[in-house]
Amino acid sequence: MSSSTPPAANGQWYPPEWPQRIRALAAGELTPVAPRSAATVMLLRDTPQGPDVYMLRRRASMAFAGGAYAYPGGSVDPRDARVTACAGPTAAEWAERLGTDEATAQAIVCAAVRETFEESGVLLAGPDAHTVVADTTGGDWERDRAALVARELSFADFLSGRGLVLRGDLLGAWARWITPEFEKRRYDTWFFVAALPEGQRTRNASTEADRTAWVRPADAADGYDRGELLMMPPTIAALRELRAYETAAGALAATVERDLAPVLAQARLDGDEIVLTWPGHEEFTKRVAPAGHPGGSERTARRDGSHPTDQRTDTA
């Protein structure tokens, strides 16, 4: 794409401060912050038309990716590593799969389950290694969920207090993305997939989201392409990949072959232009001309608050 050609009017999240920060990093005037470990889960449910994925829209007031559609997730709580009653892969097996040490791997997997419960009300845990709780909508569950969100209760204490086993075997590792070095809020995020447990239902339990929806990956991707839905590159990349699967089980089965090499955006200067790339994902490449350059400017992608297309179930 030449500098005289405006970028495509899709929904790629692109903060207005990035060009200035990229130039500062290139000039040695910016020191990258260390990324925080995080986890996010793409919840899937089967329909006659194929699996739907659960998405939430971050409130426009959020400091990071405000207005963007995403999946339930968040930062690792150091106390997540304390969870010991786990079914499925061992900490050593997760460490090998995720490319980390055992304590970090266990914390990431536990954070994925905890954040899913905190933000959607769905809990991947059960009384034993072969069952999952059927309903988490009661007042007692809500009190515990709120205590987890407030960090008044650790996930380990929550599970042990209810006699539950974390069902790590219900998760499949999908991808790993690291926020670019020039972003001031950085996350090293592992993406997982999981099927909605039978009997459970989602609800907008997150204070960070103003809308939630179950949507077909292809429909959400089309909304992004039309510039109607704002998303970060890893979000839309996962949607495009999920389109290939006819069932949630198929997507889960495919995770054993997924490449978890981290994706980290790179930026360089080409004359006065910024060239921003995500290795392995050419569709996100941007060439950004300086403000005031004829035919180009340092600007953000369109931000639209529309619902995902063909939104059959709105749980907001």
C-alpha atoms as a PDB file:
ATOM      1  CA  MET A   1       0.000   0.000   0.000  1.00  0.00           C
ATOM      2  CA  SER A   2       1.490   3.341  -0.983  1.00  0.00           C
ATOM      3  CA  SER A   3       1.552   6.321   1.358  1.00  0.00           C
ATOM      4  CA  SER A   4      -0.903   8.119  -0.912  1.00  0.00           C
ATOM      5  CA  THR A   5      -3.523   5.398  -0.488  1.00  0.00           C
ATOM      6  CA  PRO A   6      -5.764   5.587   2.590  1.00  0.00           C
ATOM      7  CA  PRO A   7      -5.847   2.459   4.745  1.00  0.00           C
ATOM      8  CA  ALA A   8      -8.758   0.061   4.304  1.00  0.00           C
ATOM      9  CA  ALA A   9     -11.814   1.082   6.310  1.00  0.00           C
ATOM     10  CA  ASN A  10     -11.829  -2.023   8.493  1.00  0.00           C
ATOM     11  CA  GLY A  11     -12.113  -2.218  12.266  1.00  0.00           C
ATOM     12  CA  GLN A  12      -8.450  -2.613  13.183  1.00  0.00           C
ATOM     13  CA  TRP A  13      -7.739  -1.115  16.592  1.00  0.00           C
ATOM     14  CA  TYR A  14      -5.079   1.542  16.193  1.00  0.00           C
ATOM     15  CA  PRO A  15      -4.517   4.039  19.055  1.00  0.00           C
ATOM     16  CA  PRO A  16      -3.807   7.624  17.971  1.00  0.00           C
ATOM     17  CA  GLU A  17      -0.745   7.831  20.225  1.00  0.00           C
ATOM     18  CA  TRP A  18       1.058   4.905  18.572  1.00  0.00           C
ATOM     19  CA  PRO A  19       2.897   6.871  15.826  1.00  0.00           C
ATOM     20  CA  GLN A  20       4.397   9.249  18.378  1.00  0.00           C
ATOM     21  CA  ARG A  21       5.427   6.371  20.625  1.00  0.00           C
ATOM     22  CA  ILE A  22       6.858   4.385  17.711  1.00  0.00           C
ATOM     23  CA  ARG A  23       9.004   7.357  16.694  1.00  0.00           C
ATOM     24  CA  ALA A  24      10.111   7.836  20.303  1.00  0.00           C
ATOM     25  CA  LEU A  25      11.087   4.158  20.565  1.00  0.00           C
ATOM     26  CA  ALA A  26      13.061   4.361  17.307  1.00  0.00           C
ATOM     27  CA  ALA A  27      14.879   7.446  18.650  1.00  0.00           C
ATOM     28  CA  GLY A  28      15.799   5.694  21.891  1.00  0.00           C
ATOM     29  CA  GLU A  29      13.555   8.005  23.892  1.00  0.00           C
ATOM     30  CA  LEU A  30      11.140   5.315  25.060  1.00  0.00           C
ATOM     31  CA  THR A  31      11.874   2.361  27.334  1.00  0.00           C
ATOM     32  CA  PRO A  32       9.474  -0.565  26.777  1.00  0.00           C
ATOM     33  CA  VAL A  33       7.601  -1.760  29.845  1.00  0.00           C
ATOM     34  CA  ALA A  34       7.631  -5.456  30.705  1.00  0.00           C
ATOM     35  CA  PRO A  35       4.433  -7.226  29.570  1.00  0.00           C
ATOM     36  CA  ARG A  36       2.133  -8.773  32.170  1.00  0.00           C
ATOM     37  CA  SER A  37       1.096 -12.396  31.760  1.00  0.00           C
ATOM     38  CA  ALA A  38      -2.556 -12.719  30.747  1.00  0.00           C
ATOM     39  CA  ALA A  39      -5.044 -15.270  29.453  1.00  0.00           C
ATOM     40  CA  THR A  40      -8.203 -15.074  27.377  1.00  0.00           C
ATOM     41  CA  VAL A  41     -10.737 -17.743  26.422  1.00  0.00           C
ATOM     42  CA  MET A  42     -12.804 -18.119  23.274  1.00  0.00           C
ATOM     43  CA  LEU A  43     -15.969 -19.822  24.525  1.00  0.00           C
ATOM     44  CA  LEU A  44     -17.699 -21.830  21.793  1.00  0.00           C
ATOM     45  CA  ARG A  45     -21.176 -23.332  21.563  1.00  0.00           C
ATOM     46  CA  ASP A  46     -22.512 -25.506  18.765  1.00  0.00           C
ATOM     47  CA  THR A  47     -25.425 -24.467  16.553  1.00  0.00           C
ATOM     48  CA  PRO A  48     -26.886 -26.016  13.372  1.00  0.00           C
ATOM     49  CA  GLN A  49     -24.873 -23.440  11.413  1.00  0.00           C
ATOM     50  CA  GLY A  50     -21.597 -24.220  13.216  1.00  0.00           C
ATOM     51  CA  PRO A  51     -20.066 -22.946  16.452  1.00  0.00           C
ATOM     52  CA  ASP A  52     -20.769 -19.494  17.842  1.00  0.00           C
ATOM     53  CA  VAL A  53     -18.128 -17.633  19.844  1.00  0.00           C
ATOM     54  CA  TYR A  54     -18.835 -15.469  22.874  1.00  0.00           C
ATOM     55  CA  MET A  55     -17.630 -11.869  22.563  1.00  0.00           C
ATOM     56  CA  LEU A  56     -17.841  -8.772  24.706  1.00  0.00           C
ATOM     57  CA  ARG A  57     -17.384  -5.120  23.842  1.00  0.00           C
ATOM     58  CA  ARG A  58     -15.022  -3.219  26.104  1.00  0.00           C
ATOM     59  CA  ARG A  59     -16.439   0.030  27.442  1.00  0.00           C
ATOM     60  CA  ALA A  60     -15.299   3.082  25.496  1.00  0.00           C
ATOM     61  CA  SER A  61     -13.967   4.530  28.751  1.00  0.00           C
ATOM     62  CA  MET A  62     -11.425   1.709  29.155  1.00  0.00           C
ATOM     63  CA  ALA A  63      -7.824   2.908  28.956  1.00  0.00           C
ATOM     64  CA  PHE A  64      -6.779  -0.102  26.853  1.00  0.00           C
ATOM     65  CA  ALA A  65      -8.713  -1.030  23.698  1.00  0.00           C
ATOM     66  CA  GLY A  66     -11.834   0.895  24.688  1.00  0.00           C
ATOM     67  CA  GLY A  67     -14.743   0.122  22.342  1.00  0.00           C
ATOM     68  CA  ALA A  68     -13.079  -3.004  20.941  1.00  0.00           C
ATOM     69  CA  TYR A  69     -14.695  -6.435  20.827  1.00  0.00           C
ATOM     70  CA  ALA A  70     -12.739  -9.139  22.647  1.00  0.00           C
ATOM     71  CA  TYR A  71     -13.071 -12.424  24.540  1.00  0.00           C
ATOM     72  CA  PRO A  72     -13.292 -12.904  28.322  1.00  0.00           C
ATOM     73  CA  GLY A  73      -9.844 -12.609  29.847  1.00  0.00           C
ATOM     74  CA  GLY A  74      -7.396 -10.580  31.877  1.00  0.00           C
ATOM     75  CA  SER A  75      -4.125 -10.479  33.767  1.00  0.00           C
ATOM     76  CA  VAL A  76      -2.738 -13.324  35.842  1.00  0.00           C
ATOM     77  CA  ASP A  77      -3.174 -12.941  39.603  1.00  0.00           C
ATOM     78  CA  PRO A  78       0.013 -14.223  41.323  1.00  0.00           C
ATOM     79  CA  ARG A  79      -2.261 -16.243  43.605  1.00  0.00           C
ATOM     80  CA  ASP A  80      -3.510 -18.219  40.583  1.00  0.00           C
ATOM     81  CA  ALA A  81      -0.409 -20.398  40.895  1.00  0.00           C
ATOM     82  CA  ARG A  82      -1.702 -21.684  44.236  1.00  0.00           C
ATOM     83  CA  VAL A  83      -4.499 -23.730  42.660  1.00  0.00           C
ATOM     84  CA  THR A  84      -3.559 -27.388  43.069  1.00  0.00           C
ATOM     85  CA  ALA A  85      -6.800 -29.348  42.499  1.00  0.00           C
ATOM     86  CA  CYS A  86      -6.628 -29.582  38.697  1.00  0.00           C
ATOM     87  CA  ALA A  87      -7.817 -32.172  36.186  1.00  0.00           C
ATOM     88  CA  GLY A  88      -6.181 -32.735  32.845  1.00  0.00           C
ATOM     89  CA  PRO A  89      -2.610 -31.890  31.825  1.00  0.00           C
ATOM     90  CA  THR A  90      -0.102 -31.590  34.650  1.00  0.00           C
ATOM     91  CA  ALA A  91       1.751 -28.358  35.367  1.00  0.00           C
ATOM     92  CA  ALA A  92       4.785 -29.873  33.647  1.00  0.00           C
ATOM     93  CA  GLU A  93       2.736 -30.709  30.549  1.00  0.00           C
ATOM     94  CA  TRP A  94       1.213 -27.244  30.433  1.00  0.00           C
ATOM     95  CA  ALA A  95       4.676 -25.722  30.873  1.00  0.00           C
ATOM     96  CA  GLU A  96       5.951 -27.626  27.857  1.00  0.00           C
ATOM     97  CA  ARG A  97       2.910 -26.633  25.795  1.00  0.00           C
ATOM     98  CA  LEU A  98       2.976 -22.947  26.760  1.00  0.00           C
ATOM     99  CA  GLY A  99       6.755 -22.562  26.743  1.00  0.00           C
ATOM    100  CA  THR A 100       7.052 -21.437  30.368  1.00  0.00           C
ATOM    101  CA  ASP A 101       8.067 -22.778  33.765  1.00  0.00           C
ATOM    102  CA  GLU A 102       5.555 -24.887  35.683  1.00  0.00           C
ATOM    103  CA  ALA A 103       4.425 -22.215  38.156  1.00  0.00           C
ATOM    104  CA  THR A 104       3.809 -19.707  35.353  1.00  0.00           C
ATOM    105  CA  ALA A 105       1.967 -22.282  33.253  1.00  0.00           C
ATOM    106  CA  GLN A 106      -0.298 -23.238  36.140  1.00  0.00           C
ATOM    107  CA  ALA A 107      -1.047 -19.578  36.881  1.00  0.00           C
ATOM    108  CA  ILE A 108      -1.905 -18.899  33.213  1.00  0.00           C
ATOM    109  CA  VAL A 109      -4.308 -21.852  32.970  1.00  0.00           C
ATOM    110  CA  CYS A 110      -5.960 -20.914  36.262  1.00  0.00           C
ATOM    111  CA  ALA A 111      -6.223 -17.278  35.173  1.00  0.00           C
ATOM    112  CA  ALA A 112      -7.990 -18.407  31.985  1.00  0.00           C
ATOM    113  CA  VAL A 113     -10.625 -20.262  34.017  1.00  0.00           C
ATOM    114  CA  ARG A 114     -10.931 -17.553  36.669  1.00  0.00           C
ATOM    115  CA  GLU A 115     -11.274 -14.678  34.188  1.00  0.00           C
ATOM    116  CA  THR A 116     -13.890 -16.616  32.207  1.00  0.00           C
ATOM    117  CA  PHE A 117     -15.937 -17.013  35.368  1.00  0.00           C
ATOM    118  CA  GLU A 118     -15.445 -13.398  36.396  1.00  0.00           C
ATOM    119  CA  GLU A 119     -16.449 -11.951  33.013  1.00  0.00           C
ATOM    120  CA  SER A 120     -19.050 -14.399  31.713  1.00  0.00           C
ATOM    121  CA  GLY A 121     -20.280 -16.401  34.707  1.00  0.00           C
ATOM    122  CA  VAL A 122     -19.082 -19.646  33.075  1.00  0.00           C
ATOM    123  CA  LEU A 123     -17.024 -21.902  35.340  1.00  0.00           C
ATOM    124  CA  LEU A 124     -14.802 -24.682  33.977  1.00  0.00           C
ATOM    125  CA  ALA A 125     -14.681 -26.639  37.224  1.00  0.00           C
ATOM    126  CA  GLY A 126     -16.567 -29.478  38.881  1.00  0.00           C
ATOM    127  CA  PRO A 127     -16.793 -31.726  41.925  1.00  0.00           C
ATOM    128  CA  ASP A 128     -14.360 -34.174  40.321  1.00  0.00           C
ATOM    129  CA  ALA A 129     -12.217 -34.690  37.237  1.00  0.00           C
ATOM    130  CA  HIS A 130     -15.166 -35.917  35.161  1.00  0.00           C
ATOM    131  CA  THR A 131     -17.939 -33.402  35.943  1.00  0.00           C
ATOM    132  CA  VAL A 132     -18.665 -29.694  35.593  1.00  0.00           C
ATOM    133  CA  VAL A 133     -20.944 -27.544  37.741  1.00  0.00           C
ATOM    134  CA  ALA A 134     -24.321 -27.170  36.045  1.00  0.00           C
ATOM    135  CA  ASP A 135     -25.442 -23.732  37.170  1.00  0.00           C
ATOM    136  CA  THR A 136     -23.619 -20.678  38.543  1.00  0.00           C
ATOM    137  CA  THR A 137     -26.428 -18.125  38.548  1.00  0.00           C
ATOM    138  CA  GLY A 138     -27.415 -18.189  42.239  1.00  0.00           C
ATOM    139  CA  GLY A 139     -26.789 -15.394  44.697  1.00  0.00           C
ATOM    140  CA  ASP A 140     -24.065 -17.329  46.515  1.00  0.00           C
ATOM    141  CA  TRP A 141     -22.180 -17.822  43.257  1.00  0.00           C
ATOM    142  CA  GLU A 142     -22.523 -14.133  42.472  1.00  0.00           C
ATOM    143  CA  ARG A 143     -21.109 -13.145  45.869  1.00  0.00           C
ATOM    144  CA  ASP A 144     -18.064 -15.333  45.278  1.00  0.00           C
ATOM    145  CA  ARG A 145     -17.642 -14.025  41.744  1.00  0.00           C
ATOM    146  CA  ALA A 146     -17.754 -10.423  42.979  1.00  0.00           C
ATOM    147  CA  ALA A 147     -15.182 -11.249  45.676  1.00  0.00           C
ATOM    148  CA  LEU A 148     -12.891 -12.714  43.023  1.00  0.00           C
ATOM    149  CA  VAL A 149     -13.213  -9.586  40.881  1.00  0.00           C
ATOM    150  CA  ALA A 150     -12.416  -7.396  43.898  1.00  0.00           C
ATOM    151  CA  ARG A 151      -9.416  -9.638  44.694  1.00  0.00           C
ATOM    152  CA  GLU A 152     -10.882 -10.239  48.142  1.00  0.00           C
ATOM    153  CA  LEU A 153     -10.891 -13.975  47.394  1.00  0.00           C
ATOM    154  CA  SER A 154      -8.225 -16.019  45.642  1.00  0.00           C
ATOM    155  CA  PHE A 155      -9.261 -18.535  43.017  1.00  0.00           C
ATOM    156  CA  ALA A 156      -7.539 -21.304  44.986  1.00  0.00           C
ATOM    157  CA  ASP A 157      -9.611 -20.514  48.084  1.00  0.00           C
ATOM    158  CA  PHE A 158     -12.766 -20.220  46.001  1.00  0.00           C
ATOM    159  CA  LEU A 159     -12.304 -23.687  44.510  1.00  0.00           C
ATOM    160  CA  SER A 160     -11.246 -25.374  47.740  1.00  0.00           C
ATOM    161  CA  GLY A 161     -14.100 -23.745  49.661  1.00  0.00           C
ATOM    162  CA  ARG A 162     -16.589 -25.279  47.249  1.00  0.00           C
ATOM    163  CA  GLY A 163     -14.767 -28.580  46.873  1.00  0.00           C
ATOM    164  CA  LEU A 164     -14.180 -28.055  43.159  1.00  0.00           C
ATOM    165  CA  VAL A 165     -11.541 -29.294  40.738  1.00  0.00           C
ATOM    166  CA  LEU A 166     -10.329 -26.982  37.976  1.00  0.00           C
ATOM    167  CA  ARG A 167     -11.005 -28.630  34.602  1.00  0.00           C
ATOM    168  CA  GLY A 168      -7.894 -27.641  32.706  1.00  0.00           C
ATOM    169  CA  ASP A 169      -8.601 -30.520  30.330  1.00  0.00           C
ATOM    170  CA  LEU A 170     -11.508 -28.510  28.916  1.00  0.00           C
ATOM    171  CA  LEU A 171      -9.097 -25.850  27.625  1.00  0.00           C
ATOM    172  CA  GLY A 172      -7.064 -25.940  24.428  1.00  0.00           C
ATOM    173  CA  ALA A 173      -4.186 -23.498  23.855  1.00  0.00           C
ATOM    174  CA  TRP A 174      -4.749 -21.580  20.611  1.00  0.00           C
ATOM    175  CA  ALA A 175      -2.221 -18.739  20.250  1.00  0.00           C
ATOM    176  CA  ARG A 176       0.084 -16.336  22.043  1.00  0.00           C
ATOM    177  CA  TRP A 177       0.311 -12.617  21.310  1.00  0.00           C
ATOM    178  CA  ILE A 178       2.488  -9.999  23.005  1.00  0.00           C
ATOM    179  CA  THR A 179       1.494  -6.326  23.011  1.00  0.00           C
ATOM    180  CA  PRO A 180       3.982  -4.226  20.973  1.00  0.00           C
ATOM    181  CA  GLU A 181       6.948  -2.652  22.750  1.00  0.00           C
ATOM    182  CA  PHE A 182       5.712   0.860  21.982  1.00  0.00           C
ATOM    183  CA  GLU A 183       2.374   0.364  23.798  1.00  0.00           C
ATOM    184  CA  LYS A 184       2.378   1.607  27.387  1.00  0.00           C
ATOM    185  CA  ARG A 185       0.054  -1.178  28.594  1.00  0.00           C
ATOM    186  CA  ARG A 186       1.627  -4.457  27.598  1.00  0.00           C
ATOM    187  CA  TYR A 187       0.375  -8.027  27.956  1.00  0.00           C
ATOM    188  CA  ASP A 188       1.832 -11.426  27.115  1.00  0.00           C
ATOM    189  CA  THR A 189      -1.467 -13.159  26.378  1.00  0.00           C
ATOM    190  CA  TRP A 190      -2.218 -16.824  25.826  1.00  0.00           C
ATOM    191  CA  PHE A 191      -5.436 -17.522  23.913  1.00  0.00           C
ATOM    192  CA  PHE A 192      -7.454 -20.649  24.717  1.00  0.00           C
ATOM    193  CA  VAL A 193     -10.627 -22.246  23.366  1.00  0.00           C
ATOM    194  CA  ALA A 194     -13.287 -24.048  25.416  1.00  0.00           C
ATOM    195  CA  ALA A 195     -16.797 -25.347  24.833  1.00  0.00           C
ATOM    196  CA  LEU A 196     -19.654 -23.921  26.886  1.00  0.00           C
ATOM    197  CA  PRO A 197     -20.432 -26.583  29.546  1.00  0.00           C
ATOM    198  CA  GLU A 198     -23.856 -28.173  29.348  1.00  0.00           C
ATOM    199  CA  GLY A 199     -26.347 -26.427  31.631  1.00  0.00           C
ATOM    200  CA  GLN A 200     -24.331 -23.232  32.054  1.00  0.00           C
ATOM    201  CA  ARG A 201     -25.192 -19.926  30.445  1.00  0.00           C
ATOM    202  CA  THR A 202     -23.326 -16.702  29.906  1.00  0.00           C
ATOM    203  CA  ARG A 203     -24.213 -13.281  31.238  1.00  0.00           C
ATOM    204  CA  ASN A 204     -22.558  -9.889  31.073  1.00  0.00           C
ATOM    205  CA  ALA A 205     -20.827 -10.146  34.436  1.00  0.00           C
ATOM    206  CA  SER A 206     -17.943  -7.857  33.514  1.00  0.00           C
ATOM    207  CA  THR A 207     -17.770  -4.236  34.651  1.00  0.00           C
ATOM    208  CA  GLU A 208     -15.413  -3.669  31.714  1.00  0.00           C
ATOM    209  CA  ALA A 209     -17.960  -4.564  29.007  1.00  0.00           C
ATOM    210  CA  ASP A 210     -21.121  -2.774  27.891  1.00  0.00           C
ATOM    211  CA  ARG A 211     -22.355  -5.454  25.463  1.00  0.00           C
ATOM    212  CA  THR A 212     -21.958  -9.192  24.973  1.00  0.00           C
ATOM    213  CA  ALA A 213     -23.057 -11.527  22.222  1.00  0.00           C
ATOM    214  CA  TRP A 214     -22.846 -15.023  20.790  1.00  0.00           C
ATOM    215  CA  VAL A 215     -21.941 -14.700  17.129  1.00  0.00           C
ATOM    216  CA  ARG A 216     -20.678 -16.849  14.268  1.00  0.00           C
ATOM    217  CA  PRO A 217     -16.972 -16.179  13.679  1.00  0.00           C
ATOM    218  CA  ALA A 218     -17.604 -15.504   9.983  1.00  0.00           C
ATOM    219  CA  ASP A 219     -20.274 -12.904  10.787  1.00  0.00           C
ATOM    220  CA  ALA A 220     -18.074 -11.113  13.307  1.00  0.00           C
ATOM    221  CA  ALA A 221     -15.180 -11.131  10.837  1.00  0.00           C
ATOM    222  CA  ASP A 222     -17.450  -9.655   8.158  1.00  0.00           C
ATOM    223  CA  GLY A 223     -18.441  -6.892  10.586  1.00  0.00           C
ATOM    224  CA  TYR A 224     -14.770  -6.123  11.150  1.00  0.00           C
ATOM    225  CA  ASP A 225     -14.089  -6.049   7.402  1.00  0.00           C
ATOM    226  CA  ARG A 226     -16.901  -3.537   6.918  1.00  0.00           C
ATOM    227  CA  GLY A 227     -15.425  -1.294   9.614  1.00  0.00           C
ATOM    228  CA  GLU A 228     -18.438  -1.837  11.876  1.00  0.00           C
ATOM    229  CA  LEU A 229     -16.654  -3.739  14.662  1.00  0.00           C
ATOM    230  CA  LEU A 230     -13.436  -2.579  16.288  1.00  0.00           C
ATOM    231  CA  MET A 231     -10.989  -5.371  17.175  1.00  0.00           C
ATOM    232  CA  MET A 232      -7.357  -5.876  18.053  1.00  0.00           C
ATOM    233  CA  PRO A 233      -5.327  -7.971  15.579  1.00  0.00           C
ATOM    234  CA  PRO A 234      -5.273 -11.158  17.711  1.00  0.00           C
ATOM    235  CA  THR A 235      -9.064 -11.045  18.086  1.00  0.00           C
ATOM    236  CA  ILE A 236      -9.841 -10.885  14.385  1.00  0.00           C
ATOM    237  CA  ALA A 237      -7.016 -13.314  13.548  1.00  0.00           C
ATOM    238  CA  ALA A 238      -8.613 -15.932  15.814  1.00  0.00           C
ATOM    239  CA  LEU A 239     -12.053 -15.341  14.303  1.00  0.00           C
ATOM    240  CA  ARG A 240     -10.743 -15.953  10.809  1.00  0.00           C
ATOM    241  CA  GLU A 241      -9.111 -19.196  11.982  1.00  0.00           C
ATOM    242  CA  LEU A 242     -12.233 -20.414  13.799  1.00  0.00           C
ATOM    243  CA  ARG A 243     -14.261 -20.224  10.584  1.00  0.00           C
ATOM    244  CA  ALA A 244     -12.695 -23.507   9.476  1.00  0.00           C
ATOM    245  CA  TYR A 245     -14.351 -25.612  12.182  1.00  0.00           C
ATOM    246  CA  GLU A 246     -17.832 -27.084  12.073  1.00  0.00           C
ATOM    247  CA  THR A 247     -18.017 -27.930  15.791  1.00  0.00           C
ATOM    248  CA  ALA A 248     -16.557 -26.757  19.081  1.00  0.00           C
ATOM    249  CA  ALA A 249     -15.026 -30.208  19.519  1.00  0.00           C
ATOM    250  CA  GLY A 250     -13.279 -29.846  16.178  1.00  0.00           C
ATOM    251  CA  ALA A 251     -11.714 -26.554  17.217  1.00  0.00           C
ATOM    252  CA  LEU A 252     -10.599 -28.059  20.527  1.00  0.00           C
ATOM    253  CA  ALA A 253      -9.085 -31.081  18.809  1.00  0.00           C
ATOM    254  CA  ALA A 254      -7.096 -28.794  16.522  1.00  0.00           C
ATOM    255  CA  THR A 255      -5.358 -27.052  19.429  1.00  0.00           C
ATOM    256  CA  VAL A 256      -2.789 -29.823  19.835  1.00  0.00           C
ATOM    257  CA  GLU A 257      -1.265 -28.767  16.502  1.00  0.00           C
ATOM    258  CA  ARG A 258      -1.457 -25.020  17.061  1.00  0.00           C
ATOM    259  CA  ASP A 259       1.783 -23.021  16.918  1.00  0.00           C
ATOM    260  CA  LEU A 260       2.198 -21.033  20.141  1.00  0.00           C
ATOM    261  CA  ALA A 261       5.227 -19.029  19.022  1.00  0.00           C
ATOM    262  CA  PRO A 262       4.531 -15.498  20.297  1.00  0.00           C
ATOM    263  CA  VAL A 263       3.387 -12.879  17.800  1.00  0.00           C
ATOM    264  CA  LEU A 264       4.957  -9.474  18.499  1.00  0.00           C
ATOM    265  CA  ALA A 265       4.291  -6.448  16.300  1.00  0.00           C
ATOM    266  CA  GLN A 266       7.308  -4.754  14.766  1.00  0.00           C
ATOM    267  CA  ALA A 267       7.650  -1.135  13.677  1.00  0.00           C
ATOM    268  CA  ARG A 268      10.306   0.512  11.533  1.00  0.00           C
ATOM    269  CA  LEU A 269      10.803   3.821   9.801  1.00  0.00           C
ATOM    270  CA  ASP A 270      10.881   3.898   6.008  1.00  0.00           C
ATOM    271  CA  GLY A 271      11.897   7.468   5.352  1.00  0.00           C
ATOM    272  CA  ASP A 272       9.239   9.526   7.132  1.00  0.00           C
ATOM    273  CA  GLU A 273       6.728   6.686   7.088  1.00  0.00           C
ATOM    274  CA  ILE A 274       6.079   4.190   9.852  1.00  0.00           C
ATOM    275  CA  VAL A 275       5.761   0.583   8.710  1.00  0.00           C
ATOM    276  CA  LEU A 276       3.915  -1.531  11.287  1.00  0.00           C
ATOM    277  CA  THR A 277       3.777  -5.312  10.863  1.00  0.00           C
ATOM    278  CA  TRP A 278       2.636  -8.409  12.758  1.00  0.00           C
ATOM    279  CA  PRO A 279       4.867 -11.332  11.654  1.00  0.00           C
ATOM    280  CA  GLY A 280       2.812 -14.084  10.040  1.00  0.00           C
ATOM    281  CA  HIS A 281      -0.251 -11.843   9.702  1.00  0.00           C
ATOM    282  CA  GLU A 282       0.256  -9.644   6.682  1.00  0.00           C
ATOM    283  CA  GLU A 283      -3.306  -8.309   6.666  1.00  0.00           C
ATOM    284  CA  PHE A 284      -2.494  -6.071   9.634  1.00  0.00           C
ATOM    285  CA  THR A 285       0.457  -4.308   8.001  1.00  0.00           C
ATOM    286  CA  LYS A 286       0.121  -0.523   8.097  1.00  0.00           C
ATOM    287  CA  ARG A 287       2.134   2.208   6.420  1.00  0.00           C
ATOM    288  CA  VAL A 288       1.537   5.431   8.307  1.00  0.00           C
ATOM    289  CA  ALA A 289       2.580   8.755   6.827  1.00  0.00           C
ATOM    290  CA  PRO A 290       3.358  11.707   9.121  1.00  0.00           C
ATOM    291  CA  ALA A 291       0.503  14.026  10.020  1.00  0.00           C
ATOM    292  CA  GLY A 292       0.101  16.658   7.322  1.00  0.00           C
ATOM    293  CA  HIS A 293       1.591  14.458   4.592  1.00  0.00           C
ATOM    294  CA  PRO A 294      -0.415  14.779   1.343  1.00  0.00           C
ATOM    295  CA  GLY A 295      -2.795  11.858   1.069  1.00  0.00           C
ATOM    296  CA  GLY A 296      -1.906  10.373   4.420  1.00  0.00           C
ATOM    297  CA  SER A 297      -2.096  10.984   8.140  1.00  0.00           C
ATOM    298  CA  GLU A 298      -1.407   9.314  11.439  1.00  0.00           C
ATOM    299  CA  ARG A 299      -4.918   8.392  12.452  1.00  0.00           C
ATOM    300  CA  THR A 300      -6.989   5.670  14.003  1.00  0.00           C
ATOM    301  CA  ALA A 301      -9.228   3.101  12.377  1.00  0.00           C
ATOM    302  CA  ARG A 302     -12.986   3.684  12.514  1.00  0.00           C
ATOM    303  CA  ARG A 303     -14.569   3.033  15.902  1.00  0.00           C
ATOM    304  CA  ASP A 304     -18.202   1.941  15.645  1.00  0.00           C
ATOM    305  CA  GLY A 305     -20.378   0.644  18.433  1.00  0.00           C
ATOM    306  CA  SER A 306     -22.493  -1.661  16.297  1.00  0.00           C
ATOM    307  CA  HIS A 307     -23.471  -5.118  17.485  1.00  0.00           C
ATOM    308  CA  PRO A 308     -21.879  -8.139  15.774  1.00  0.00           C
ATOM    309  CA  THR A 309     -23.850  -9.154  12.717  1.00  0.00           C
ATOM    310  CA  ASP A 310     -26.496 -11.842  13.047  1.00  0.00           C
ATOM    311  CA  GLN A 311     -26.469 -11.521  16.803  1.00  0.00           C
ATOM    312  CA  ARG A 312     -28.918 -14.223  17.739  1.00  0.00           C
ATOM    313  CA  THR A 313     -28.436 -14.042  21.509  1.00  0.00           C
ATOM    314  CA  ASP A 314     -27.632 -10.811  23.355  1.00  0.00           C
ATOM    315  CA  THR A 315     -26.845 -11.393  27.017  1.00  0.00           C
ATOM    316  CA  ALA A 316     -26.209  -7.761  27.923  1.00  0.00           C
END
